[in-house]
């Protein structure tokens, strides 16, 4: 079952731009489908904002050195690579 669909006119994959839905299942990217696809989950519409699935921001502020009891380089980079969505 899908958790969420993110709808954007600018989903960027392999240097191409798609108008579509990025589907999230179990906190991970499951698929990208055409924008008019019917889905049985909440849809977050972001208009023409760019969605860059799988891209990790290399300009991060990891709490190392210091405050590593809750985040260090190892845990922060593993979390980024996992593709997990934040649980706010």
C-alpha atoms as a PDB file:
ATOM      1  CA  UNK A   1       0.000   0.000   0.000  1.00  0.00           C
ATOM      2  CA  UNK A   2       1.281   3.458  -0.866  1.00  0.00           C
ATOM      3  CA  UNK A   3       2.003   5.993   1.875  1.00  0.00           C
ATOM      4  CA  UNK A   4       2.090   9.132  -0.256  1.00  0.00           C
ATOM      5  CA  UNK A   5       2.309  10.481  -3.801  1.00  0.00           C
ATOM      6  CA  UNK A   6       4.182  13.693  -4.574  1.00  0.00           C
ATOM      7  CA  UNK A   7       2.810  15.398  -7.682  1.00  0.00           C
ATOM      8  CA  UNK A   8       5.100  17.747  -9.584  1.00  0.00           C
ATOM      9  CA  UNK A   9       5.459  19.137 -13.086  1.00  0.00           C
ATOM     10  CA  UNK A  10       9.237  18.858 -12.637  1.00  0.00           C
ATOM     11  CA  UNK A  11      10.356  15.416 -11.526  1.00  0.00           C
ATOM     12  CA  UNK A  12      13.955  15.175 -12.700  1.00  0.00           C
ATOM     13  CA  UNK A  13      15.278  11.712 -13.595  1.00  0.00           C
ATOM     14  CA  UNK A  14      18.346  10.980 -15.724  1.00  0.00           C
ATOM     15  CA  UNK A  15      18.543  14.560 -17.057  1.00  0.00           C
ATOM     16  CA  UNK A  16      14.886  14.391 -18.149  1.00  0.00           C
ATOM     17  CA  UNK A  17      11.906  16.325 -16.796  1.00  0.00           C
ATOM     18  CA  UNK A  18       8.620  14.509 -16.057  1.00  0.00           C
ATOM     19  CA  UNK A  19       5.155  15.724 -15.106  1.00  0.00           C
ATOM     20  CA  UNK A  20       4.197  12.983 -12.730  1.00  0.00           C
ATOM     21  CA  UNK A  21       3.678  11.391  -9.356  1.00  0.00           C
ATOM     22  CA  UNK A  22       6.525  10.141  -7.222  1.00  0.00           C
ATOM     23  CA  UNK A  23       5.110   7.222  -5.237  1.00  0.00           C
ATOM     24  CA  UNK A  24       6.303   6.498  -1.696  1.00  0.00           C
ATOM     25  CA  UNK A  25       5.810   3.105  -0.055  1.00  0.00           C
ATOM     26  CA  UNK A  26       7.166   2.138   3.360  1.00  0.00           C
ATOM     27  CA  UNK A  27       9.139   5.388   3.489  1.00  0.00           C
ATOM     28  CA  UNK A  28      10.968   4.754   0.214  1.00  0.00           C
ATOM     29  CA  UNK A  29      10.541   5.790  -3.406  1.00  0.00           C
ATOM     30  CA  UNK A  30       8.505   3.046  -5.083  1.00  0.00           C
ATOM     31  CA  UNK A  31       7.948   4.444  -8.582  1.00  0.00           C
ATOM     32  CA  UNK A  32       7.380   7.499 -10.755  1.00  0.00           C
ATOM     33  CA  UNK A  33       4.205   7.419 -12.853  1.00  0.00           C
ATOM     34  CA  UNK A  34       2.336   9.855 -15.124  1.00  0.00           C
ATOM     35  CA  UNK A  35       0.581  12.736 -13.340  1.00  0.00           C
ATOM     36  CA  UNK A  36      -2.915  11.543 -14.295  1.00  0.00           C
ATOM     37  CA  UNK A  37      -2.479   8.114 -12.657  1.00  0.00           C
ATOM     38  CA  UNK A  38      -5.159   7.352 -10.050  1.00  0.00           C
ATOM     39  CA  UNK A  39      -3.681   6.512  -6.641  1.00  0.00           C
ATOM     40  CA  UNK A  40      -5.262   5.430  -3.352  1.00  0.00           C
ATOM     41  CA  UNK A  41      -3.148   7.523  -0.986  1.00  0.00           C
ATOM     42  CA  UNK A  42      -2.678  11.162   0.007  1.00  0.00           C
ATOM     43  CA  UNK A  43      -1.261  13.341  -2.789  1.00  0.00           C
ATOM     44  CA  UNK A  44       1.089  16.222  -1.974  1.00  0.00           C
ATOM     45  CA  UNK A  45       0.865  18.674  -4.876  1.00  0.00           C
ATOM     46  CA  UNK A  46       4.008  20.786  -5.229  1.00  0.00           C
ATOM     47  CA  UNK A  47       3.164  22.461  -8.546  1.00  0.00           C
ATOM     48  CA  UNK A  48       6.256  23.215 -10.594  1.00  0.00           C
ATOM     49  CA  UNK A  49       8.727  22.754  -7.735  1.00  0.00           C
ATOM     50  CA  UNK A  50      11.541  20.405  -8.694  1.00  0.00           C
ATOM     51  CA  UNK A  51      11.489  16.910  -7.223  1.00  0.00           C
ATOM     52  CA  UNK A  52      14.860  15.173  -7.416  1.00  0.00           C
ATOM     53  CA  UNK A  53      14.380  11.532  -6.361  1.00  0.00           C
ATOM     54  CA  UNK A  54      17.548   9.937  -5.099  1.00  0.00           C
ATOM     55  CA  UNK A  55      19.534  13.177  -4.906  1.00  0.00           C
ATOM     56  CA  UNK A  56      21.381  13.852  -1.685  1.00  0.00           C
ATOM     57  CA  UNK A  57      22.319  17.436  -0.789  1.00  0.00           C
ATOM     58  CA  UNK A  58      26.134  17.399  -0.402  1.00  0.00           C
ATOM     59  CA  UNK A  59      26.021  20.611   1.640  1.00  0.00           C
ATOM     60  CA  UNK A  60      24.896  19.158   4.923  1.00  0.00           C
ATOM     61  CA  UNK A  61      25.582  20.141   8.492  1.00  0.00           C
ATOM     62  CA  UNK A  62      26.370  16.936  10.310  1.00  0.00           C
ATOM     63  CA  UNK A  63      26.916  17.284  14.032  1.00  0.00           C
ATOM     64  CA  UNK A  64      30.430  15.860  14.048  1.00  0.00           C
ATOM     65  CA  UNK A  65      32.560  16.687  15.895  1.00  0.00           C
ATOM     66  CA  UNK A  66      30.257  17.378  18.807  1.00  0.00           C
ATOM     67  CA  UNK A  67      26.733  16.200  19.656  1.00  0.00           C
ATOM     68  CA  UNK A  68      27.515  12.809  18.131  1.00  0.00           C
ATOM     69  CA  UNK A  69      25.414  11.047  20.755  1.00  0.00           C
ATOM     70  CA  UNK A  70      22.421  11.512  18.417  1.00  0.00           C
ATOM     71  CA  UNK A  71      24.010  12.116  15.003  1.00  0.00           C
ATOM     72  CA  UNK A  72      27.463  11.573  13.606  1.00  0.00           C
ATOM     73  CA  UNK A  73      28.939  11.276  10.132  1.00  0.00           C
ATOM     74  CA  UNK A  74      28.238   7.540   9.972  1.00  0.00           C
ATOM     75  CA  UNK A  75      24.576   7.706  11.032  1.00  0.00           C
ATOM     76  CA  UNK A  76      23.798  10.871   9.036  1.00  0.00           C
ATOM     77  CA  UNK A  77      25.245   9.585   5.766  1.00  0.00           C
ATOM     78  CA  UNK A  78      23.623   6.157   6.191  1.00  0.00           C
ATOM     79  CA  UNK A  79      20.262   7.846   6.735  1.00  0.00           C
ATOM     80  CA  UNK A  80      20.733   9.986   3.618  1.00  0.00           C
ATOM     81  CA  UNK A  81      21.715   6.999   1.479  1.00  0.00           C
ATOM     82  CA  UNK A  82      18.810   4.885   2.696  1.00  0.00           C
ATOM     83  CA  UNK A  83      16.287   7.104   0.951  1.00  0.00           C
ATOM     84  CA  UNK A  84      14.164   7.197   4.093  1.00  0.00           C
ATOM     85  CA  UNK A  85      11.715  10.054   4.406  1.00  0.00           C
ATOM     86  CA  UNK A  86      11.932  12.039   7.635  1.00  0.00           C
ATOM     87  CA  UNK A  87       9.359  11.086  10.271  1.00  0.00           C
ATOM     88  CA  UNK A  88       8.303  14.484  11.652  1.00  0.00           C
END
